[in-house]
Structures are given as C-alpha cells and as structure tokens.
Amino acid sequence: MDITKYRPKISKYKEVKPFEMDEGVVFHNMIIQDMGPKTIIVGLATFEPSKFLPCHIHNVEESVTILKGHAFCEVEGVRTTLEPYDTSFIPANIPHRFINASDTEELIILWAYSQVDTELNHVDVKRIIVETDLCILSKS
C-alpha cells in the first residue's frame, strides 16, 4: 500500500469541478479513489426541477441522503417519497433511480458508494443503465 496516498483528505466543495451525469443532474465527486480512500467514495448531486437519473444498477453498495428538496426513490418497482434527511441504502446490483419530485425546486442529494469486496480494493464504481420497467411502479 502506498502510505503517502492513504492519508486523511479534506475536499472543498468550491474547488471540485462539477459535471453533468445526465440531463439536468450535476455531480460533484467530493471524495474519490484518486484521493486515497479504498472502500468508500462520496459526492453530491443536484437535480433540476423534475429531472431524474435513469434506472440503473451499481456493482457497489449505495447510500443516499436527501439534503434539499423532495425526491422519489424507485427501487425494484416500489416508489418511496423522500424528504430532507431521509436516507436510503441500496445493495449492489439492485435496479433503482432517484427523481426530483418537484417541478419548481432543485433536489440535492449526498451519495456514498462502498466497495463490496472483502479484499479492500479501491472502489471501482460501474453504473449500468437498465430497463426503466425494473424501477417504475407496476402498471396495474
């Protein structure tokens, strides 16, 4: 292990370059593997009104906390309404997505991914888009 990289780290929001993950959804990668952590990465995402992420799965565990606004969290066909400080946990390989429930206010979430493997390898997040039907409410 390179001990010079495996050190405490502070990430300043104003210094992180944002990027658009999907239309109307901007990510800030606050703590990522290039900064040294082995089993966790953390960031923020801001959703414009009514914007959402496509239904997807990850190869890692995910936790999301709502910081501002209201969201719908769709996991395996179940939609749950979330408000500030509500927090989700989604195991690896489970279809899910987050939707800004407001058509006028932005949604801000804090996300964290943790590696599932027991070898403590660096987090290697893969996002795989899957059919929307795996996330949305059943059409009964």
N, C-alpha and C. Protein backbone atom coordinates (compact mmCIF):
# COMPACT_ATOMS: atom_id res chain seq x y z
N MET A 1 0.85 -1.18 0.00
CA MET A 1 0.00 0.00 0.00
C MET A 1 0.89 1.24 0.00
N ASP A 2 0.55 2.20 -0.85
CA ASP A 2 1.28 3.47 -0.90
C ASP A 2 0.77 4.36 0.23
N ILE A 3 1.51 4.38 1.34
CA ILE A 3 1.09 5.10 2.54
C ILE A 3 0.97 6.61 2.27
N THR A 4 1.68 7.14 1.29
CA THR A 4 1.58 8.58 1.00
C THR A 4 0.22 8.94 0.43
N LYS A 5 -0.46 8.00 -0.24
CA LYS A 5 -1.79 8.27 -0.78
C LYS A 5 -2.89 7.96 0.22
N TYR A 6 -2.63 7.03 1.15
CA TYR A 6 -3.65 6.61 2.10
C TYR A 6 -3.56 7.48 3.35
N ARG A 7 -4.06 8.70 3.22
CA ARG A 7 -3.97 9.71 4.27
C ARG A 7 -5.32 10.42 4.39
N PRO A 8 -5.57 11.09 5.52
CA PRO A 8 -6.79 11.90 5.64
C PRO A 8 -6.85 12.93 4.51
N LYS A 9 -8.06 13.28 4.12
CA LYS A 9 -8.25 14.21 3.00
C LYS A 9 -9.46 15.09 3.27
N ILE A 10 -9.33 16.37 2.97
CA ILE A 10 -10.44 17.32 3.01
C ILE A 10 -10.69 17.78 1.58
N SER A 11 -11.94 17.76 1.17
CA SER A 11 -12.32 18.20 -0.17
C SER A 11 -13.22 19.41 -0.04
N LYS A 12 -12.86 20.50 -0.68
CA LYS A 12 -13.62 21.74 -0.63
C LYS A 12 -14.61 21.80 -1.80
N TYR A 13 -15.88 21.96 -1.48
CA TYR A 13 -16.94 21.98 -2.50
C TYR A 13 -16.64 22.97 -3.62
N LYS A 14 -16.21 24.17 -3.27
CA LYS A 14 -15.96 25.21 -4.28
C LYS A 14 -14.79 24.88 -5.19
N GLU A 15 -13.96 23.91 -4.81
CA GLU A 15 -12.79 23.55 -5.61
C GLU A 15 -13.04 22.32 -6.49
N VAL A 16 -14.17 21.66 -6.31
CA VAL A 16 -14.47 20.45 -7.07
C VAL A 16 -15.16 20.83 -8.37
N LYS A 17 -14.66 20.31 -9.47
CA LYS A 17 -15.26 20.61 -10.78
C LYS A 17 -16.51 19.76 -10.99
N PRO A 18 -17.67 20.40 -11.13
CA PRO A 18 -18.91 19.64 -11.35
C PRO A 18 -18.98 19.11 -12.78
N PHE A 19 -19.79 18.08 -12.96
CA PHE A 19 -20.04 17.55 -14.31
C PHE A 19 -21.47 17.06 -14.39
N GLU A 20 -22.03 17.13 -15.59
CA GLU A 20 -23.40 16.69 -15.80
C GLU A 20 -23.40 15.18 -16.05
N MET A 21 -23.99 14.43 -15.10
CA MET A 21 -24.07 12.97 -15.23
C MET A 21 -25.14 12.59 -16.25
N ASP A 22 -26.30 13.19 -16.11
CA ASP A 22 -27.41 13.03 -17.03
C ASP A 22 -28.05 14.39 -17.19
N GLU A 23 -28.91 14.57 -18.19
CA GLU A 23 -29.51 15.87 -18.44
C GLU A 23 -30.17 16.43 -17.17
N GLY A 24 -29.69 17.61 -16.74
CA GLY A 24 -30.27 18.27 -15.58
C GLY A 24 -29.83 17.72 -14.24
N VAL A 25 -28.84 16.82 -14.24
CA VAL A 25 -28.33 16.25 -12.99
C VAL A 25 -26.81 16.44 -12.95
N VAL A 26 -26.37 17.30 -12.02
CA VAL A 26 -24.96 17.68 -11.92
C VAL A 26 -24.34 17.02 -10.69
N PHE A 27 -23.19 16.38 -10.90
CA PHE A 27 -22.48 15.69 -9.82
C PHE A 27 -21.24 16.46 -9.39
N HIS A 28 -20.93 16.37 -8.10
CA HIS A 28 -19.66 16.83 -7.53
C HIS A 28 -19.05 15.60 -6.84
N ASN A 29 -17.96 15.07 -7.38
CA ASN A 29 -17.27 13.96 -6.73
C ASN A 29 -16.40 14.54 -5.62
N MET A 30 -16.84 14.41 -4.38
CA MET A 30 -16.16 15.06 -3.26
C MET A 30 -14.96 14.27 -2.74
N ILE A 31 -15.13 12.99 -2.56
CA ILE A 31 -14.03 12.11 -2.14
C ILE A 31 -14.08 10.89 -3.05
N ILE A 32 -13.03 10.75 -3.88
CA ILE A 32 -12.99 9.63 -4.83
C ILE A 32 -11.67 8.89 -4.68
N GLN A 33 -11.56 7.75 -5.35
CA GLN A 33 -10.41 6.88 -5.17
C GLN A 33 -9.09 7.56 -5.47
N ASP A 34 -9.04 8.51 -6.39
CA ASP A 34 -7.79 9.22 -6.69
C ASP A 34 -7.28 9.99 -5.48
N MET A 35 -8.15 10.24 -4.51
CA MET A 35 -7.77 10.98 -3.31
C MET A 35 -7.27 10.05 -2.20
N GLY A 36 -7.38 8.74 -2.41
CA GLY A 36 -6.82 7.81 -1.46
C GLY A 36 -7.72 6.81 -0.78
N PRO A 37 -9.05 7.04 -0.65
CA PRO A 37 -9.85 6.05 0.07
C PRO A 37 -9.88 4.72 -0.67
N LYS A 38 -10.01 3.65 0.09
CA LYS A 38 -10.03 2.33 -0.52
C LYS A 38 -11.44 1.79 -0.72
N THR A 39 -12.33 2.00 0.25
CA THR A 39 -13.60 1.28 0.21
C THR A 39 -14.82 2.18 0.15
N ILE A 40 -14.65 3.49 0.05
CA ILE A 40 -15.81 4.39 0.01
C ILE A 40 -15.48 5.60 -0.87
N ILE A 41 -16.49 6.06 -1.61
CA ILE A 41 -16.40 7.35 -2.30
C ILE A 41 -17.71 8.09 -2.03
N VAL A 42 -17.63 9.43 -2.05
CA VAL A 42 -18.75 10.27 -1.63
C VAL A 42 -18.87 11.46 -2.55
N GLY A 43 -20.10 11.89 -2.80
CA GLY A 43 -20.31 13.08 -3.61
C GLY A 43 -21.69 13.65 -3.41
N LEU A 44 -21.95 14.71 -4.16
CA LEU A 44 -23.23 15.39 -4.15
C LEU A 44 -23.80 15.38 -5.56
N ALA A 45 -25.11 15.40 -5.65
CA ALA A 45 -25.77 15.54 -6.95
C ALA A 45 -26.90 16.54 -6.79
N THR A 46 -27.00 17.43 -7.77
CA THR A 46 -28.07 18.43 -7.81
C THR A 46 -28.93 18.15 -9.02
N PHE A 47 -30.23 17.99 -8.78
CA PHE A 47 -31.20 17.70 -9.83
C PHE A 47 -32.02 18.96 -10.08
N GLU A 48 -32.09 19.41 -11.31
CA GLU A 48 -33.00 20.49 -11.66
C GLU A 48 -34.44 20.01 -11.46
N PRO A 49 -35.41 20.93 -11.40
CA PRO A 49 -36.81 20.52 -11.22
C PRO A 49 -37.22 19.43 -12.22
N SER A 50 -37.89 18.42 -11.72
CA SER A 50 -38.44 17.29 -12.50
C SER A 50 -37.40 16.40 -13.17
N LYS A 51 -36.13 16.61 -12.93
CA LYS A 51 -35.10 15.78 -13.58
C LYS A 51 -34.85 14.52 -12.77
N PHE A 52 -34.21 13.53 -13.39
CA PHE A 52 -34.03 12.23 -12.77
C PHE A 52 -32.83 11.51 -13.37
N LEU A 53 -32.42 10.48 -12.68
CA LEU A 53 -31.42 9.57 -13.21
C LEU A 53 -32.15 8.41 -13.87
N PRO A 54 -31.58 7.82 -14.91
CA PRO A 54 -32.22 6.64 -15.50
C PRO A 54 -32.14 5.47 -14.53
N CYS A 55 -33.00 4.51 -14.70
CA CYS A 55 -32.95 3.29 -13.90
C CYS A 55 -31.59 2.63 -14.15
N HIS A 56 -30.92 2.24 -13.07
CA HIS A 56 -29.58 1.66 -13.21
C HIS A 56 -29.26 0.76 -12.03
N ILE A 57 -28.16 0.04 -12.17
CA ILE A 57 -27.60 -0.75 -11.08
C ILE A 57 -26.14 -0.35 -10.91
N HIS A 58 -25.57 -0.69 -9.76
CA HIS A 58 -24.15 -0.49 -9.50
C HIS A 58 -23.56 -1.81 -9.03
N ASN A 59 -22.26 -1.91 -9.14
CA ASN A 59 -21.54 -3.06 -8.61
C ASN A 59 -21.09 -2.80 -7.16
N VAL A 60 -21.60 -1.74 -6.57
CA VAL A 60 -21.23 -1.34 -5.21
C VAL A 60 -22.49 -1.06 -4.40
N GLU A 61 -22.35 -1.02 -3.08
CA GLU A 61 -23.46 -0.59 -2.22
C GLU A 61 -23.58 0.93 -2.32
N GLU A 62 -24.82 1.44 -2.16
CA GLU A 62 -25.05 2.88 -2.27
C GLU A 62 -25.95 3.35 -1.14
N SER A 63 -25.60 4.50 -0.59
CA SER A 63 -26.48 5.16 0.36
C SER A 63 -26.68 6.59 -0.12
N VAL A 64 -27.93 7.06 -0.06
CA VAL A 64 -28.26 8.43 -0.49
C VAL A 64 -29.03 9.11 0.63
N THR A 65 -28.63 10.34 0.96
CA THR A 65 -29.36 11.17 1.91
C THR A 65 -29.85 12.41 1.19
N ILE A 66 -31.13 12.73 1.37
CA ILE A 66 -31.70 13.94 0.76
C ILE A 66 -31.27 15.13 1.62
N LEU A 67 -30.61 16.10 1.00
CA LEU A 67 -30.19 17.30 1.73
C LEU A 67 -31.15 18.46 1.52
N LYS A 68 -31.71 18.55 0.32
CA LYS A 68 -32.62 19.65 -0.01
C LYS A 68 -33.63 19.15 -1.02
N GLY A 69 -34.89 19.51 -0.81
CA GLY A 69 -35.94 19.16 -1.76
C GLY A 69 -36.64 17.86 -1.41
N HIS A 70 -37.40 17.37 -2.36
CA HIS A 70 -38.17 16.14 -2.21
C HIS A 70 -37.89 15.25 -3.41
N ALA A 71 -37.82 13.95 -3.15
CA ALA A 71 -37.46 13.01 -4.21
C ALA A 71 -38.41 11.82 -4.20
N PHE A 72 -38.44 11.15 -5.34
CA PHE A 72 -38.99 9.82 -5.42
C PHE A 72 -37.80 8.89 -5.58
N CYS A 73 -37.78 7.84 -4.81
CA CYS A 73 -36.78 6.80 -4.96
C CYS A 73 -37.51 5.56 -5.44
N GLU A 74 -37.15 5.08 -6.61
CA GLU A 74 -37.76 3.88 -7.17
C GLU A 74 -36.75 2.76 -7.10
N VAL A 75 -37.14 1.69 -6.38
CA VAL A 75 -36.27 0.52 -6.20
C VAL A 75 -37.10 -0.73 -6.47
N GLU A 76 -36.70 -1.45 -7.49
CA GLU A 76 -37.38 -2.70 -7.86
C GLU A 76 -38.89 -2.56 -7.92
N GLY A 77 -39.37 -1.49 -8.54
CA GLY A 77 -40.80 -1.30 -8.75
C GLY A 77 -41.56 -0.64 -7.62
N VAL A 78 -40.87 -0.26 -6.56
CA VAL A 78 -41.53 0.41 -5.43
C VAL A 78 -41.06 1.86 -5.38
N ARG A 79 -42.01 2.77 -5.37
CA ARG A 79 -41.70 4.21 -5.31
C ARG A 79 -41.93 4.70 -3.88
N THR A 80 -40.91 5.36 -3.32
CA THR A 80 -40.99 5.93 -1.99
C THR A 80 -40.71 7.42 -2.08
N THR A 81 -41.53 8.23 -1.42
CA THR A 81 -41.31 9.67 -1.37
C THR A 81 -40.33 9.98 -0.25
N LEU A 82 -39.31 10.78 -0.56
CA LEU A 82 -38.28 11.14 0.41
C LEU A 82 -38.25 12.64 0.62
N GLU A 83 -37.93 13.05 1.84
CA GLU A 83 -37.78 14.47 2.17
C GLU A 83 -36.43 14.67 2.84
N PRO A 84 -36.05 15.91 3.13
CA PRO A 84 -34.72 16.15 3.69
C PRO A 84 -34.38 15.25 4.87
N TYR A 85 -33.17 14.72 4.79
CA TYR A 85 -32.51 13.85 5.77
C TYR A 85 -32.99 12.40 5.73
N ASP A 86 -33.99 12.07 4.90
CA ASP A 86 -34.32 10.67 4.69
C ASP A 86 -33.12 10.04 3.98
N THR A 87 -32.83 8.80 4.32
CA THR A 87 -31.63 8.14 3.79
C THR A 87 -31.98 6.74 3.31
N SER A 88 -31.44 6.39 2.15
CA SER A 88 -31.67 5.07 1.57
C SER A 88 -30.38 4.25 1.60
N PHE A 89 -30.54 2.95 1.58
CA PHE A 89 -29.44 2.01 1.37
C PHE A 89 -29.87 1.07 0.26
N ILE A 90 -29.03 0.94 -0.76
CA ILE A 90 -29.35 0.06 -1.88
C ILE A 90 -28.18 -0.89 -2.09
N PRO A 91 -28.40 -2.18 -1.91
CA PRO A 91 -27.32 -3.16 -2.13
C PRO A 91 -26.87 -3.16 -3.59
N ALA A 92 -25.72 -3.71 -3.84
CA ALA A 92 -25.20 -3.84 -5.20
C ALA A 92 -26.17 -4.63 -6.07
N ASN A 93 -26.22 -4.23 -7.35
CA ASN A 93 -26.98 -4.95 -8.39
C ASN A 93 -28.50 -4.90 -8.23
N ILE A 94 -29.02 -3.89 -7.53
CA ILE A 94 -30.46 -3.71 -7.38
C ILE A 94 -30.89 -2.53 -8.26
N PRO A 95 -31.86 -2.71 -9.18
CA PRO A 95 -32.31 -1.61 -10.04
C PRO A 95 -32.94 -0.49 -9.20
N HIS A 96 -32.53 0.76 -9.50
CA HIS A 96 -33.04 1.91 -8.76
C HIS A 96 -32.83 3.19 -9.55
N ARG A 97 -33.50 4.25 -9.08
CA ARG A 97 -33.26 5.59 -9.61
C ARG A 97 -33.86 6.61 -8.65
N PHE A 98 -33.37 7.85 -8.77
CA PHE A 98 -33.88 8.98 -7.99
C PHE A 98 -34.46 10.00 -8.95
N ILE A 99 -35.58 10.60 -8.54
CA ILE A 99 -36.31 11.57 -9.35
C ILE A 99 -36.59 12.79 -8.49
N ASN A 100 -36.36 13.99 -9.04
CA ASN A 100 -36.77 15.19 -8.32
C ASN A 100 -38.29 15.26 -8.38
N ALA A 101 -38.93 15.22 -7.21
CA ALA A 101 -40.39 15.20 -7.13
C ALA A 101 -41.02 16.56 -7.37
N SER A 102 -40.21 17.62 -7.43
CA SER A 102 -40.74 18.98 -7.61
C SER A 102 -40.54 19.46 -9.04
N ASP A 103 -41.50 20.21 -9.53
CA ASP A 103 -41.32 20.83 -10.85
C ASP A 103 -40.88 22.29 -10.72
N THR A 104 -40.57 22.74 -9.49
CA THR A 104 -40.11 24.13 -9.29
C THR A 104 -38.84 24.25 -8.45
N GLU A 105 -38.53 23.27 -7.61
CA GLU A 105 -37.38 23.35 -6.69
C GLU A 105 -36.30 22.34 -7.09
N GLU A 106 -35.04 22.67 -6.79
CA GLU A 106 -33.97 21.72 -7.04
C GLU A 106 -33.92 20.68 -5.92
N LEU A 107 -33.32 19.56 -6.23
CA LEU A 107 -33.10 18.46 -5.29
C LEU A 107 -31.60 18.30 -5.14
N ILE A 108 -31.11 18.20 -3.90
CA ILE A 108 -29.69 17.95 -3.66
C ILE A 108 -29.57 16.70 -2.79
N ILE A 109 -28.75 15.76 -3.26
CA ILE A 109 -28.53 14.53 -2.51
C ILE A 109 -27.05 14.37 -2.19
N LEU A 110 -26.78 13.69 -1.10
CA LEU A 110 -25.44 13.24 -0.75
C LEU A 110 -25.41 11.75 -1.00
N TRP A 111 -24.48 11.29 -1.81
CA TRP A 111 -24.38 9.86 -2.11
C TRP A 111 -23.05 9.30 -1.64
N ALA A 112 -23.08 8.04 -1.28
CA ALA A 112 -21.85 7.33 -0.89
C ALA A 112 -21.91 5.93 -1.48
N TYR A 113 -20.81 5.52 -2.08
CA TYR A 113 -20.68 4.17 -2.60
C TYR A 113 -19.61 3.46 -1.80
N SER A 114 -19.86 2.20 -1.45
CA SER A 114 -18.83 1.43 -0.76
C SER A 114 -18.59 0.12 -1.49
N GLN A 115 -17.35 -0.27 -1.49
CA GLN A 115 -16.94 -1.48 -2.17
C GLN A 115 -17.48 -2.70 -1.43
N VAL A 116 -17.92 -3.68 -2.16
CA VAL A 116 -18.47 -4.88 -1.57
C VAL A 116 -17.38 -5.92 -1.33
N ASP A 117 -16.32 -5.90 -2.11
CA ASP A 117 -15.34 -6.99 -2.00
C ASP A 117 -14.55 -6.91 -0.69
N THR A 118 -14.19 -8.06 -0.19
CA THR A 118 -13.52 -8.14 1.11
C THR A 118 -12.01 -7.97 1.01
N GLU A 119 -11.51 -7.78 -0.21
CA GLU A 119 -10.08 -7.60 -0.40
C GLU A 119 -9.65 -6.14 -0.17
N LEU A 120 -10.60 -5.26 0.09
CA LEU A 120 -10.34 -3.83 0.30
C LEU A 120 -9.63 -3.19 -0.89
N ASN A 121 -10.01 -3.63 -2.08
CA ASN A 121 -9.50 -2.99 -3.29
C ASN A 121 -10.13 -1.61 -3.42
N HIS A 122 -9.52 -0.75 -4.20
CA HIS A 122 -10.10 0.57 -4.44
C HIS A 122 -11.50 0.43 -5.01
N VAL A 123 -12.39 1.35 -4.62
CA VAL A 123 -13.75 1.37 -5.14
C VAL A 123 -13.68 1.55 -6.65
N ASP A 124 -14.37 0.72 -7.38
CA ASP A 124 -14.41 0.81 -8.83
C ASP A 124 -15.88 0.79 -9.23
N VAL A 125 -16.51 1.95 -9.22
CA VAL A 125 -17.95 2.05 -9.45
C VAL A 125 -18.27 1.88 -10.92
N LYS A 126 -19.23 1.01 -11.19
CA LYS A 126 -19.76 0.86 -12.54
C LYS A 126 -21.25 1.14 -12.47
N ARG A 127 -21.73 2.00 -13.34
CA ARG A 127 -23.17 2.28 -13.44
C ARG A 127 -23.64 1.66 -14.73
N ILE A 128 -24.62 0.80 -14.63
CA ILE A 128 -25.17 0.11 -15.80
C ILE A 128 -26.64 0.50 -15.92
N ILE A 129 -26.98 1.17 -17.01
CA ILE A 129 -28.37 1.57 -17.26
C ILE A 129 -29.17 0.30 -17.58
N VAL A 130 -30.34 0.17 -16.95
CA VAL A 130 -31.21 -0.99 -17.19
C VAL A 130 -32.58 -0.49 -17.61
N GLU A 131 -33.44 -1.40 -18.01
CA GLU A 131 -34.78 -1.04 -18.45
C GLU A 131 -35.54 -0.29 -17.36
N THR A 132 -36.20 0.80 -17.73
CA THR A 132 -36.96 1.60 -16.78
C THR A 132 -38.01 0.77 -16.07
N ASP A 133 -38.56 -0.24 -16.75
CA ASP A 133 -39.59 -1.09 -16.13
C ASP A 133 -39.09 -1.76 -14.86
N LEU A 134 -37.78 -1.89 -14.69
CA LEU A 134 -37.26 -2.50 -13.47
C LEU A 134 -37.33 -1.55 -12.28
N CYS A 135 -37.57 -0.27 -12.53
CA CYS A 135 -37.63 0.72 -11.47
C CYS A 135 -39.03 1.24 -11.20
N ILE A 136 -39.82 1.44 -12.25
CA ILE A 136 -41.10 2.14 -12.10
C ILE A 136 -42.15 1.28 -11.42
N LEU A 137 -43.17 1.96 -10.95
CA LEU A 137 -44.29 1.27 -10.33
C LEU A 137 -44.96 0.36 -11.34
N SER A 138 -45.44 -0.77 -10.87
CA SER A 138 -46.14 -1.67 -11.78
C SER A 138 -47.37 -0.97 -12.36
N LYS A 139 -47.76 -1.36 -13.54
CA LYS A 139 -48.83 -0.67 -14.28
C LYS A 139 -50.17 -1.36 -14.08
N SER A 140 -50.48 -1.71 -12.86
CA SER A 140 -51.75 -2.40 -12.62
C SER A 140 -52.86 -1.41 -12.34
